[in-house]
């Protein structure tokens, strides 16, 4: 096997290797604002009002 073939083989192996993935964990923080999401318009109004303060 020549150098070119060896490099190509290493590249192929590297592309096929799948690194282990850690489990996804959603993190949330309390923002101090309660939003009723049953009305999208009201939720947008609350969020816009909080950003304009």
N, C-alpha and C. Protein backbone atom coordinates (compact mmCIF):
# COMPACT_ATOMS: atom_id res chain seq x y z
N UNK A 1 0.86 -1.18 0.00
CA UNK A 1 0.00 0.00 0.00
C UNK A 1 0.90 1.23 0.00
N UNK A 2 0.61 2.15 -0.91
CA UNK A 2 1.40 3.36 -1.00
C UNK A 2 0.90 4.42 -0.03
N UNK A 3 1.63 5.52 0.03
CA UNK A 3 1.28 6.60 0.94
C UNK A 3 -0.10 7.18 0.60
N UNK A 4 -0.36 7.37 -0.68
CA UNK A 4 -1.64 7.93 -1.12
C UNK A 4 -2.80 7.03 -0.70
N UNK A 5 -2.64 5.73 -0.90
CA UNK A 5 -3.69 4.79 -0.50
C UNK A 5 -3.88 4.78 1.01
N UNK A 6 -2.80 4.87 1.76
CA UNK A 6 -2.88 4.88 3.22
C UNK A 6 -3.61 6.12 3.71
N UNK A 7 -3.29 7.27 3.11
CA UNK A 7 -3.95 8.52 3.50
C UNK A 7 -5.43 8.44 3.18
N UNK A 8 -5.77 7.94 1.99
CA UNK A 8 -7.17 7.79 1.62
C UNK A 8 -7.92 6.86 2.58
N UNK A 9 -7.29 5.79 2.98
CA UNK A 9 -7.92 4.85 3.91
C UNK A 9 -8.15 5.51 5.27
N UNK A 10 -7.19 6.27 5.75
CA UNK A 10 -7.35 6.97 7.02
C UNK A 10 -8.47 8.00 6.94
N UNK A 11 -8.56 8.69 5.83
CA UNK A 11 -9.64 9.67 5.65
C UNK A 11 -10.99 8.97 5.66
N UNK A 12 -11.10 7.86 4.95
CA UNK A 12 -12.37 7.10 4.93
C UNK A 12 -12.76 6.64 6.33
N UNK A 13 -11.81 6.12 7.07
CA UNK A 13 -12.11 5.66 8.43
C UNK A 13 -12.53 6.82 9.33
N UNK A 14 -11.88 7.96 9.16
CA UNK A 14 -12.23 9.12 9.96
C UNK A 14 -13.61 9.64 9.66
N UNK A 15 -14.01 9.60 8.38
CA UNK A 15 -15.33 10.07 8.01
C UNK A 15 -16.43 9.11 8.46
N UNK A 16 -16.12 7.84 8.55
CA UNK A 16 -17.12 6.85 8.97
C UNK A 16 -17.26 6.77 10.49
N UNK A 17 -16.25 7.18 11.22
CA UNK A 17 -16.28 7.08 12.68
C UNK A 17 -17.32 8.04 13.25
N UNK A 18 -18.11 7.58 14.16
CA UNK A 18 -19.13 8.39 14.81
C UNK A 18 -18.71 8.63 16.27
N UNK A 19 -18.45 9.88 16.63
CA UNK A 19 -18.09 10.14 18.03
C UNK A 19 -19.29 9.87 18.94
N UNK A 20 -19.06 9.41 20.13
CA UNK A 20 -20.17 9.16 21.05
C UNK A 20 -20.88 10.47 21.40
N UNK A 21 -22.19 10.43 21.38
CA UNK A 21 -22.97 11.62 21.70
C UNK A 21 -23.49 11.53 23.12
N UNK A 22 -23.46 12.67 23.78
CA UNK A 22 -24.04 12.70 25.12
C UNK A 22 -25.53 12.98 24.98
N UNK A 23 -26.29 12.59 25.96
CA UNK A 23 -27.73 12.79 25.93
C UNK A 23 -28.05 14.28 26.00
N UNK A 24 -29.02 14.70 25.21
CA UNK A 24 -29.43 16.10 25.23
C UNK A 24 -30.23 16.36 26.49
N UNK A 25 -29.93 17.46 27.13
CA UNK A 25 -30.66 17.83 28.35
C UNK A 25 -31.06 19.29 28.24
N UNK A 26 -32.37 19.52 28.23
CA UNK A 26 -32.88 20.89 28.14
C UNK A 26 -32.75 21.55 29.50
N UNK A 27 -32.13 22.70 29.51
CA UNK A 27 -31.98 23.44 30.76
C UNK A 27 -32.87 24.67 30.71
N UNK A 28 -33.56 24.93 31.77
CA UNK A 28 -34.42 26.11 31.84
C UNK A 28 -34.05 26.92 33.07
N UNK A 29 -34.31 28.20 32.99
CA UNK A 29 -34.06 29.09 34.10
C UNK A 29 -35.31 29.93 34.35
N UNK A 30 -35.62 30.22 35.60
CA UNK A 30 -36.77 31.07 35.86
C UNK A 30 -36.49 32.50 35.39
N UNK A 31 -37.40 33.05 34.60
CA UNK A 31 -37.21 34.39 34.08
C UNK A 31 -38.01 35.43 34.85
N UNK A 32 -38.87 34.97 35.75
CA UNK A 32 -39.66 35.90 36.54
C UNK A 32 -40.88 36.44 35.82
N UNK A 33 -41.15 35.95 34.61
CA UNK A 33 -42.31 36.40 33.85
C UNK A 33 -43.16 35.18 33.53
N UNK A 34 -44.44 35.24 33.88
CA UNK A 34 -45.35 34.17 33.51
C UNK A 34 -46.12 34.59 32.28
N UNK A 35 -46.13 33.75 31.29
CA UNK A 35 -46.81 34.06 30.03
C UNK A 35 -47.87 33.00 29.79
N UNK A 36 -49.08 33.46 29.56
CA UNK A 36 -50.16 32.57 29.17
C UNK A 36 -50.08 32.37 27.67
N UNK A 37 -49.73 31.17 27.23
CA UNK A 37 -49.53 30.93 25.82
C UNK A 37 -50.80 30.47 25.12
N UNK A 38 -51.95 30.53 25.79
CA UNK A 38 -53.19 30.15 25.13
C UNK A 38 -53.58 31.17 24.07
N UNK A 39 -53.10 32.41 24.19
CA UNK A 39 -53.33 33.43 23.19
C UNK A 39 -51.97 33.93 22.70
N UNK A 40 -51.64 33.62 21.47
CA UNK A 40 -50.35 34.01 20.92
C UNK A 40 -50.21 35.53 20.89
N UNK A 41 -51.28 36.23 20.55
CA UNK A 41 -51.21 37.69 20.48
C UNK A 41 -50.88 38.28 21.85
N UNK A 42 -51.51 37.76 22.90
CA UNK A 42 -51.22 38.25 24.26
C UNK A 42 -49.79 37.93 24.66
N UNK A 43 -49.30 36.74 24.30
CA UNK A 43 -47.94 36.36 24.63
C UNK A 43 -46.94 37.29 23.94
N UNK A 44 -47.19 37.60 22.67
CA UNK A 44 -46.29 38.50 21.94
C UNK A 44 -46.32 39.89 22.55
N UNK A 45 -47.49 40.33 22.95
CA UNK A 45 -47.61 41.65 23.57
C UNK A 45 -46.83 41.71 24.88
N UNK A 46 -46.91 40.66 25.68
CA UNK A 46 -46.17 40.62 26.94
C UNK A 46 -44.67 40.64 26.68
N UNK A 47 -44.23 39.83 25.70
CA UNK A 47 -42.81 39.78 25.40
C UNK A 47 -42.30 41.10 24.80
N UNK A 48 -43.06 41.71 23.95
CA UNK A 48 -42.68 43.01 23.38
C UNK A 48 -42.63 44.07 24.46
N UNK A 49 -43.57 44.03 25.37
CA UNK A 49 -43.58 45.01 26.47
C UNK A 49 -42.38 44.85 27.37
N UNK A 50 -41.96 43.61 27.63
CA UNK A 50 -40.81 43.35 28.48
C UNK A 50 -39.52 43.83 27.79
N UNK A 51 -39.45 43.73 26.48
CA UNK A 51 -38.24 44.14 25.76
C UNK A 51 -38.14 45.67 25.64
N UNK A 52 -39.27 46.36 25.67
CA UNK A 52 -39.27 47.81 25.50
C UNK A 52 -39.10 48.57 26.81
N UNK A 53 -39.04 47.89 27.92
CA UNK A 53 -38.90 48.55 29.23
C UNK A 53 -37.50 49.01 29.47
